[in-house]
Amino acid sequence: MMELEGSRKPWRVLEFYSGIGGMRYSLLKSAVKATVVEAFDINDVANDVYQHNFGHRPFQGNIQTLNATDLDRYNADAWLLSPPCQPYTRQGLQKGSCDARASSFIKILELIPQLLQPPSYLFVENVVGFETSDTHEILVKILEKNNFVTQEFILSPLQFGLPYSRPRYYCLAKRKPLSFEVPEFNNQLLRTPGPLLGQTESAMEKERLQSAEYWDELLQACQPVEHFLVFKTFGKGEDSSTYSFHANDSAKSDRSDEENNVYFVPSSLVERWGSAMDIVYPHSKRCCCFTKSYYRYVKGTGSLLATVQEKIENRTPSLQDLCLRYFTPREVANLHSFPEDFQFPQHISLRQRYAMLGNSLSVGVVAPLLQYLFINPS
């Protein structure tokens, strides 16, 4: 039997590294009874977006200036953190805790034993690779010393029916005497969402998670990419047809940009980098992770959409024939499971939109994880 949501006051939540609000949207989607009492982010442009959508501007100072007294004032039940990922990425130098961008996260963790009112719940999101870093070791040691029990996950939106390959690391922590709904996975790293569904993970299933058959089955169960598109364009001519799934300002901005063909990949780039491009079609069941460099570079930054059919007059089209285009910012937001009412302020440039989305998170994955975190067996 679980604790009833209506029987208590809302959890008081602090949101660190709030970005454009992906964590807050996840909290809303989870339907957990909670209130964000403060958000923190040093990025001025990201805070513009956050304020535009939530009517509240995050604290913009350096997080490292916060002390235990500052945090105790919030009387927070939960901390949600999505710290910088650059110290742990495959493309980076993987300097871990020695990277200056890791220092603020470590500083926050080191404040936990100094708090008069430490949080009861803690949630961390980061890139795959964080779990093998020395920063991860610091995280686990501090949580253990301060009476937390953890469950860790590496999950992809593909495991939630979303045609988007973006595996990420997640740490869920509860301070004793609180416990998880499926406690047999305490202090383990899992690669299945089974516990979120009340399922157990047998040894056979662990082996199956590594199999091509498992991922093929997941892909078949995913929605097609076309369900997440703002418009479809077949070719660049006057007879090209478009249709919209979203009517908000963000989508309108996408369509006005589309009229100027800003999303089509120039022929010179197709000729030079075509063999390295990840190309998908509207009926595809998978696209690659969009990074903050999407639209600036085409290699390894995210998928490109073919806007003509795979067969033209019984022949396979050339890369030039495919009329490749970038996914629009609204479409990337859709694949992140951001709600339809999410918008960028008009002054945010196209490159800034892609960069901030690339740094954001998958609401469709984080929401069920938060739901699982806040469930307390009675």
Protein backbone atom coordinates (compact mmCIF):
# COMPACT_ATOMS: atom_id res chain seq x y z
CA MET A 1 0.00 0.00 0.00
CA MET A 2 1.42 3.38 -1.04
CA GLU A 3 1.19 6.76 0.62
CA LEU A 4 -1.75 8.74 -0.76
CA GLU A 5 -0.71 11.93 -2.59
CA GLY A 6 -3.66 13.92 -1.25
CA SER A 7 -2.89 13.17 2.39
CA ARG A 8 0.12 15.49 2.74
CA LYS A 9 1.51 18.87 1.81
CA PRO A 10 3.37 19.18 -1.50
CA TRP A 11 7.04 18.16 -1.46
CA ARG A 12 9.30 21.21 -1.49
CA VAL A 13 11.77 20.83 -4.36
CA LEU A 14 15.04 22.55 -5.29
CA GLU A 15 16.00 22.32 -8.96
CA PHE A 16 19.75 22.70 -9.61
CA TYR A 17 21.12 23.35 -13.14
CA SER A 18 17.54 24.03 -14.25
CA GLY A 19 18.36 24.90 -17.90
CA ILE A 20 15.23 25.42 -19.96
CA GLY A 21 13.01 23.52 -17.51
CA GLY A 22 13.20 19.88 -18.55
CA MET A 23 13.35 18.67 -14.95
CA ARG A 24 10.40 20.83 -13.93
CA TYR A 25 8.35 19.59 -16.88
CA SER A 26 9.23 16.05 -15.82
CA LEU A 27 7.99 16.77 -12.30
CA LEU A 28 4.73 18.14 -13.71
CA LYS A 29 4.30 15.16 -16.02
CA SER A 30 4.94 12.74 -13.14
CA ALA A 31 1.89 14.18 -11.32
CA VAL A 32 3.85 14.07 -8.06
CA LYS A 33 2.41 16.53 -5.55
CA ALA A 34 5.36 18.92 -5.38
CA THR A 35 6.30 22.59 -5.55
CA VAL A 36 9.56 23.94 -6.97
CA VAL A 37 10.59 26.49 -4.33
CA GLU A 38 13.71 27.59 -6.22
CA ALA A 39 15.65 26.83 -9.40
CA PHE A 40 19.33 27.56 -9.99
CA ASP A 41 21.21 28.12 -13.25
CA ILE A 42 24.08 30.38 -14.22
CA ASN A 43 23.10 30.61 -17.92
CA ASP A 44 21.33 33.90 -18.61
CA VAL A 45 19.75 32.77 -21.89
CA ALA A 46 18.47 29.48 -20.42
CA ASN A 47 16.95 31.48 -17.58
CA ASP A 48 15.13 33.65 -20.14
CA VAL A 49 13.50 30.51 -21.53
CA TYR A 50 12.70 29.13 -18.07
CA GLN A 51 11.13 32.43 -16.99
CA HIS A 52 9.14 32.69 -20.23
CA ASN A 53 7.53 29.29 -19.59
CA PHE A 54 7.18 29.21 -15.80
CA GLY A 55 6.90 32.87 -14.83
CA HIS A 56 9.83 32.55 -12.41
CA ARG A 57 13.47 33.42 -13.04
CA PRO A 58 15.98 30.98 -11.54
CA PHE A 59 18.66 32.14 -9.11
CA GLN A 60 21.48 33.14 -11.44
CA GLY A 61 24.48 33.37 -9.13
CA ASN A 62 27.28 30.84 -8.96
CA ILE A 63 25.96 27.73 -7.19
CA GLN A 64 29.33 27.41 -5.47
CA THR A 65 28.57 30.53 -3.45
CA LEU A 66 25.68 28.76 -1.67
CA ASN A 67 26.29 27.52 1.85
CA ALA A 68 24.40 25.18 4.18
CA THR A 69 22.54 28.06 5.82
CA ASP A 70 21.30 29.26 2.41
CA LEU A 71 19.95 25.82 1.51
CA ASP A 72 18.42 25.16 4.94
CA ARG A 73 16.25 28.27 4.47
CA TYR A 74 14.38 26.52 1.67
CA ASN A 75 13.34 23.63 3.95
CA ALA A 76 13.48 21.41 0.84
CA ASP A 77 12.35 17.79 0.78
CA ALA A 78 13.99 17.00 -2.56
CA TRP A 79 16.91 18.05 -4.72
CA LEU A 80 16.80 17.50 -8.49
CA LEU A 81 20.16 17.94 -10.21
CA SER A 82 21.32 17.81 -13.84
CA PRO A 83 24.95 18.97 -13.52
CA PRO A 84 27.27 19.74 -16.47
CA CYS A 85 28.04 16.62 -18.49
CA GLN A 86 31.21 17.79 -20.27
CA PRO A 87 33.61 16.25 -17.69
CA TYR A 88 32.21 12.78 -18.52
CA THR A 89 31.40 12.76 -22.25
CA ARG A 90 33.16 10.56 -24.78
CA GLN A 91 34.05 13.66 -26.82
CA GLY A 92 35.51 15.47 -23.81
CA LEU A 93 38.76 14.96 -21.90
CA GLN A 94 36.95 12.89 -19.23
CA LYS A 95 38.76 14.71 -16.43
CA GLY A 96 35.93 13.97 -13.99
CA SER A 97 36.25 15.80 -10.67
CA CYS A 98 39.41 17.54 -11.91
CA ASP A 99 37.33 19.39 -14.51
CA ALA A 100 36.33 22.84 -13.24
CA ARG A 101 32.79 22.24 -14.49
CA ALA A 102 32.37 19.42 -11.95
CA SER A 103 33.29 21.55 -8.96
CA SER A 104 29.88 23.12 -8.31
CA PHE A 105 28.17 19.71 -8.18
CA ILE A 106 30.77 18.35 -5.76
CA LYS A 107 30.41 21.50 -3.62
CA ILE A 108 26.64 20.97 -3.37
CA LEU A 109 27.10 17.33 -2.36
CA GLU A 110 29.64 18.32 0.29
CA LEU A 111 27.03 20.59 1.87
CA ILE A 112 24.68 17.68 2.66
CA PRO A 113 26.34 16.64 5.97
CA GLN A 114 26.37 20.30 7.05
CA LEU A 115 22.61 20.77 6.65
CA LEU A 116 20.24 20.94 9.60
CA GLN A 117 17.50 19.76 7.24
CA PRO A 118 19.02 17.53 4.54
CA PRO A 119 16.75 16.48 1.65
CA SER A 120 14.84 13.21 1.89
CA TYR A 121 15.02 12.64 -1.88
CA LEU A 122 17.76 13.25 -4.41
CA PHE A 123 17.73 12.77 -8.19
CA VAL A 124 20.75 13.13 -10.49
CA GLU A 125 20.79 12.98 -14.31
CA ASN A 126 23.92 12.85 -16.47
CA VAL A 127 25.52 11.25 -19.52
CA VAL A 128 26.53 7.63 -19.79
CA GLY A 129 30.12 7.61 -18.57
CA PHE A 130 29.33 9.45 -15.35
CA GLU A 131 28.80 6.07 -13.65
CA THR A 132 32.48 5.18 -14.14
CA SER A 133 33.86 8.57 -13.07
CA ASP A 134 35.48 9.59 -9.80
CA THR A 135 32.68 12.15 -9.38
CA HIS A 136 30.29 9.20 -9.21
CA GLU A 137 32.44 7.67 -6.48
CA ILE A 138 32.22 10.94 -4.52
CA LEU A 139 28.42 11.02 -4.99
CA VAL A 140 27.93 7.45 -3.76
CA LYS A 141 30.24 7.85 -0.76
CA ILE A 142 28.55 11.05 0.40
CA LEU A 143 25.09 9.52 0.02
CA GLU A 144 26.09 6.36 1.91
CA LYS A 145 27.64 8.35 4.77
CA ASN A 146 24.51 10.44 5.06
CA ASN A 147 22.10 7.51 5.34
CA PHE A 148 20.80 7.43 1.78
CA VAL A 149 19.89 4.31 -0.15
CA THR A 150 20.28 4.49 -3.95
CA GLN A 151 19.04 2.85 -7.12
CA GLU A 152 20.82 3.76 -10.37
CA PHE A 153 19.67 3.40 -13.96
CA ILE A 154 20.93 3.75 -17.50
CA LEU A 155 17.85 4.18 -19.66
CA SER A 156 16.94 5.37 -23.16
CA PRO A 157 13.70 6.90 -24.46
CA LEU A 158 13.53 3.88 -26.79
CA GLN A 159 12.56 1.83 -23.71
CA PHE A 160 9.52 4.09 -23.24
CA GLY A 161 8.13 3.88 -26.77
CA LEU A 162 9.86 7.04 -28.02
CA PRO A 163 11.84 6.83 -31.31
CA TYR A 164 14.84 8.58 -29.80
CA SER A 165 18.18 7.02 -28.85
CA ARG A 166 19.43 9.08 -25.91
CA PRO A 167 20.73 6.77 -23.12
CA ARG A 168 21.40 8.60 -19.88
CA TYR A 169 22.54 7.83 -16.34
CA TYR A 170 20.14 8.43 -13.43
CA CYS A 171 20.69 8.18 -9.68
CA LEU A 172 17.67 7.99 -7.38
CA ALA A 173 18.36 8.35 -3.65
CA LYS A 174 16.16 8.26 -0.52
CA ARG A 175 17.19 9.04 3.03
CA LYS A 176 16.39 6.28 5.50
CA PRO A 177 13.94 5.27 6.89
CA LEU A 178 12.37 5.93 3.44
CA SER A 179 12.61 2.97 1.06
CA PHE A 180 12.02 2.10 -2.58
CA GLU A 181 8.98 0.25 -3.86
CA VAL A 182 11.27 -2.50 -5.21
CA PRO A 183 14.05 -2.57 -2.55
CA GLU A 184 15.87 -5.63 -3.93
CA PHE A 185 17.55 -3.28 -6.42
CA ASN A 186 19.05 -1.02 -3.77
CA ASN A 187 22.66 -0.01 -4.52
CA GLN A 188 22.48 -1.51 -8.02
CA LEU A 189 22.87 -0.07 -11.52
CA LEU A 190 19.99 -1.23 -13.76
CA ARG A 191 19.51 -1.00 -17.52
CA THR A 192 15.80 -1.73 -17.57
CA PRO A 193 12.76 0.32 -16.49
CA GLY A 194 11.30 -2.86 -14.94
CA PRO A 195 11.35 -1.62 -11.31
CA LEU A 196 9.31 1.43 -12.38
CA LEU A 197 6.64 -1.06 -13.44
CA GLY A 198 7.01 -3.19 -10.31
CA GLN A 199 8.92 -5.86 -12.22
CA THR A 200 12.04 -7.73 -11.16
CA GLU A 201 15.13 -8.23 -13.31
CA SER A 202 16.22 -11.85 -13.55
CA ALA A 203 19.66 -12.99 -14.68
CA MET A 204 18.11 -14.12 -17.97
CA GLU A 205 16.65 -10.66 -18.52
CA LYS A 206 20.03 -9.06 -17.82
CA GLU A 207 21.53 -11.10 -20.66
CA ARG A 208 18.57 -10.29 -22.88
CA LEU A 209 19.10 -6.56 -22.34
CA GLN A 210 22.38 -6.88 -24.22
CA SER A 211 20.82 -8.72 -27.18
CA ALA A 212 19.99 -7.26 -30.57
CA GLU A 213 16.58 -8.96 -30.39
CA TYR A 214 15.64 -6.96 -27.28
CA TRP A 215 16.40 -3.65 -28.97
CA ASP A 216 14.70 -4.73 -32.20
CA GLU A 217 11.54 -5.43 -30.22
CA LEU A 218 11.77 -2.03 -28.56
CA LEU A 219 12.12 -0.29 -31.93
CA GLN A 220 9.05 -2.09 -33.27
CA ALA A 221 7.07 -0.84 -30.27
CA CYS A 222 8.17 2.78 -30.73
CA GLN A 223 6.03 5.43 -32.35
CA PRO A 224 7.23 6.54 -35.80
CA VAL A 225 9.19 9.78 -36.10
CA GLU A 226 6.36 11.39 -38.08
CA HIS A 227 4.25 11.61 -34.90
CA PHE A 228 6.74 14.18 -33.60
CA LEU A 229 7.06 16.37 -36.70
CA VAL A 230 5.76 19.92 -36.95
CA PHE A 231 5.62 19.70 -40.72
CA LYS A 232 6.49 17.36 -43.52
CA THR A 233 8.02 18.75 -46.67
CA PHE A 234 8.46 16.66 -49.79
CA GLY A 235 11.07 18.46 -51.82
CA LYS A 236 11.79 22.17 -52.07
CA GLY A 237 9.46 23.04 -54.88
CA GLU A 238 6.26 25.08 -54.89
CA ASP A 239 4.21 21.89 -54.80
CA SER A 240 5.75 20.77 -51.49
CA SER A 241 3.10 19.93 -48.94
CA THR A 242 3.20 20.79 -45.25
CA TYR A 243 1.04 19.98 -42.28
CA SER A 244 1.24 20.84 -38.62
CA PHE A 245 0.59 18.97 -35.39
CA HIS A 246 1.25 21.94 -33.12
CA ALA A 247 -0.24 25.41 -33.27
CA ASN A 248 1.81 27.25 -30.62
CA ASP A 249 4.22 30.12 -31.28
CA SER A 250 7.24 27.83 -31.26
CA ALA A 251 5.82 25.77 -34.11
CA LYS A 252 4.80 28.91 -35.99
CA SER A 253 8.39 30.11 -35.70
CA ASP A 254 9.58 26.78 -37.11
CA ARG A 255 7.25 27.10 -40.08
CA SER A 256 8.25 30.69 -40.84
CA ASP A 257 11.88 29.56 -40.83
CA GLU A 258 10.95 26.66 -43.07
CA GLU A 259 9.59 29.06 -45.67
CA ASN A 260 13.16 30.38 -46.01
CA ASN A 261 14.51 26.83 -46.27
CA VAL A 262 16.79 27.39 -43.25
CA TYR A 263 16.36 23.75 -42.24
CA PHE A 264 17.47 22.18 -45.51
CA VAL A 265 21.02 20.83 -45.50
CA PRO A 266 23.13 22.61 -48.15
CA SER A 267 24.27 20.45 -51.06
CA SER A 268 27.91 21.21 -50.27
CA LEU A 269 27.52 19.63 -46.79
CA VAL A 270 25.71 16.60 -48.22
CA GLU A 271 28.49 16.11 -50.74
CA ARG A 272 31.24 16.42 -48.12
CA TRP A 273 29.70 14.65 -45.11
CA GLY A 274 26.93 12.52 -46.59
CA SER A 275 28.55 9.19 -45.76
CA ALA A 276 28.80 10.19 -42.06
CA MET A 277 25.20 11.44 -41.73
CA ASP A 278 22.51 9.55 -39.81
CA ILE A 279 19.49 9.77 -42.11
CA VAL A 280 15.96 8.89 -41.01
CA TYR A 281 12.52 8.97 -42.65
CA PRO A 282 9.12 9.94 -41.26
CA HIS A 283 8.26 6.24 -40.83
CA SER A 284 11.53 5.50 -38.98
CA LYS A 285 11.31 4.20 -35.43
CA ARG A 286 14.62 5.65 -34.23
CA CYS A 287 16.66 8.82 -34.48
CA CYS A 288 20.00 9.67 -32.90
CA CYS A 289 20.66 11.88 -29.90
CA PHE A 290 20.62 15.60 -30.67
CA THR A 291 23.64 17.36 -29.17
CA LYS A 292 24.17 21.04 -28.43
CA SER A 293 26.15 21.28 -31.72
CA TYR A 294 23.22 20.21 -33.90
CA TYR A 295 22.69 22.59 -36.84
CA ARG A 296 26.25 23.92 -36.40
CA TYR A 297 27.72 20.58 -37.49
CA VAL A 298 26.19 17.58 -39.26
CA LYS A 299 28.55 14.78 -38.21
CA GLY A 300 27.64 13.02 -34.96
CA THR A 301 25.29 15.72 -33.69
CA GLY A 302 21.89 14.16 -34.48
CA SER A 303 19.78 12.68 -37.24
CA LEU A 304 18.73 14.38 -40.45
CA LEU A 305 15.30 13.88 -42.01
CA ALA A 306 14.84 12.72 -45.59
CA THR A 307 11.93 14.68 -47.03
CA VAL A 308 11.33 12.53 -50.11
CA GLN A 309 10.36 8.89 -50.32
CA GLU A 310 13.00 6.16 -50.26
CA LYS A 311 12.18 5.14 -53.84
CA ILE A 312 11.90 7.53 -56.75
CA GLU A 313 10.52 6.00 -59.95
CA ASN A 314 11.75 2.52 -58.96
CA ARG A 315 15.28 3.68 -58.21
CA THR A 316 17.12 4.41 -55.01
CA PRO A 317 17.60 8.18 -54.72
CA SER A 318 20.99 9.76 -54.21
CA LEU A 319 21.71 11.67 -51.02
CA GLN A 320 21.10 14.90 -52.92
CA ASP A 321 17.71 13.59 -54.08
CA LEU A 322 16.60 13.03 -50.47
CA CYS A 323 16.38 16.80 -49.80
CA LEU A 324 17.70 16.35 -46.28
CA ARG A 325 16.65 18.76 -43.57
CA TYR A 326 17.37 19.32 -39.92
CA PHE A 327 14.71 18.55 -37.35
CA THR A 328 13.27 21.88 -36.17
CA PRO A 329 13.70 23.00 -32.55
CA ARG A 330 10.03 22.26 -31.89
CA GLU A 331 10.46 18.74 -33.26
CA VAL A 332 13.51 18.15 -31.07
CA ALA A 333 11.46 19.40 -28.11
CA ASN A 334 8.70 16.95 -29.08
CA LEU A 335 11.18 14.06 -29.10
CA HIS A 336 12.29 15.25 -25.64
CA SER A 337 8.58 14.92 -24.65
CA PHE A 338 8.34 18.62 -23.80
CA PRO A 339 4.68 19.72 -23.61
CA GLU A 340 2.98 21.51 -26.49
CA ASP A 341 2.82 24.78 -24.57
CA PHE A 342 6.61 24.98 -24.20
CA GLN A 343 7.92 28.00 -26.12
CA PHE A 344 11.14 29.85 -26.78
CA PRO A 345 11.04 33.65 -26.41
CA GLN A 346 11.28 35.34 -29.79
CA HIS A 347 14.76 36.80 -29.11
CA ILE A 348 16.37 33.35 -28.73
CA SER A 349 18.31 32.55 -31.91
CA LEU A 350 17.99 29.29 -33.83
CA ARG A 351 21.46 28.09 -32.79
CA GLN A 352 20.75 28.95 -29.15
CA ARG A 353 17.53 26.91 -29.28
CA TYR A 354 19.34 23.85 -30.60
CA ALA A 355 22.17 24.25 -28.08
CA MET A 356 19.82 24.46 -25.09
CA LEU A 357 17.71 21.52 -26.28
CA GLY A 358 20.90 19.51 -26.75
CA ASN A 359 21.76 20.20 -23.11
CA SER A 360 18.29 19.29 -21.86
CA LEU A 361 16.78 15.95 -20.83
CA SER A 362 14.09 13.46 -21.84
CA VAL A 363 10.87 14.29 -20.00
CA GLY A 364 9.42 10.97 -21.17
CA VAL A 365 12.10 9.09 -19.19
CA VAL A 366 12.60 11.37 -16.19
CA ALA A 367 8.88 11.69 -15.35
CA PRO A 368 8.34 7.97 -14.60
CA LEU A 369 11.64 7.90 -12.69
CA LEU A 370 10.47 10.76 -10.48
CA GLN A 371 7.15 9.04 -9.99
CA TYR A 372 9.02 5.94 -8.81
CA LEU A 373 11.34 7.99 -6.58
CA PHE A 374 8.52 9.69 -4.69
CA ILE A 375 6.43 6.57 -4.12
CA ASN A 376 6.79 5.46 -0.51
CA PRO A 377 5.62 2.01 0.62
CA SER A 378 3.55 2.42 3.78
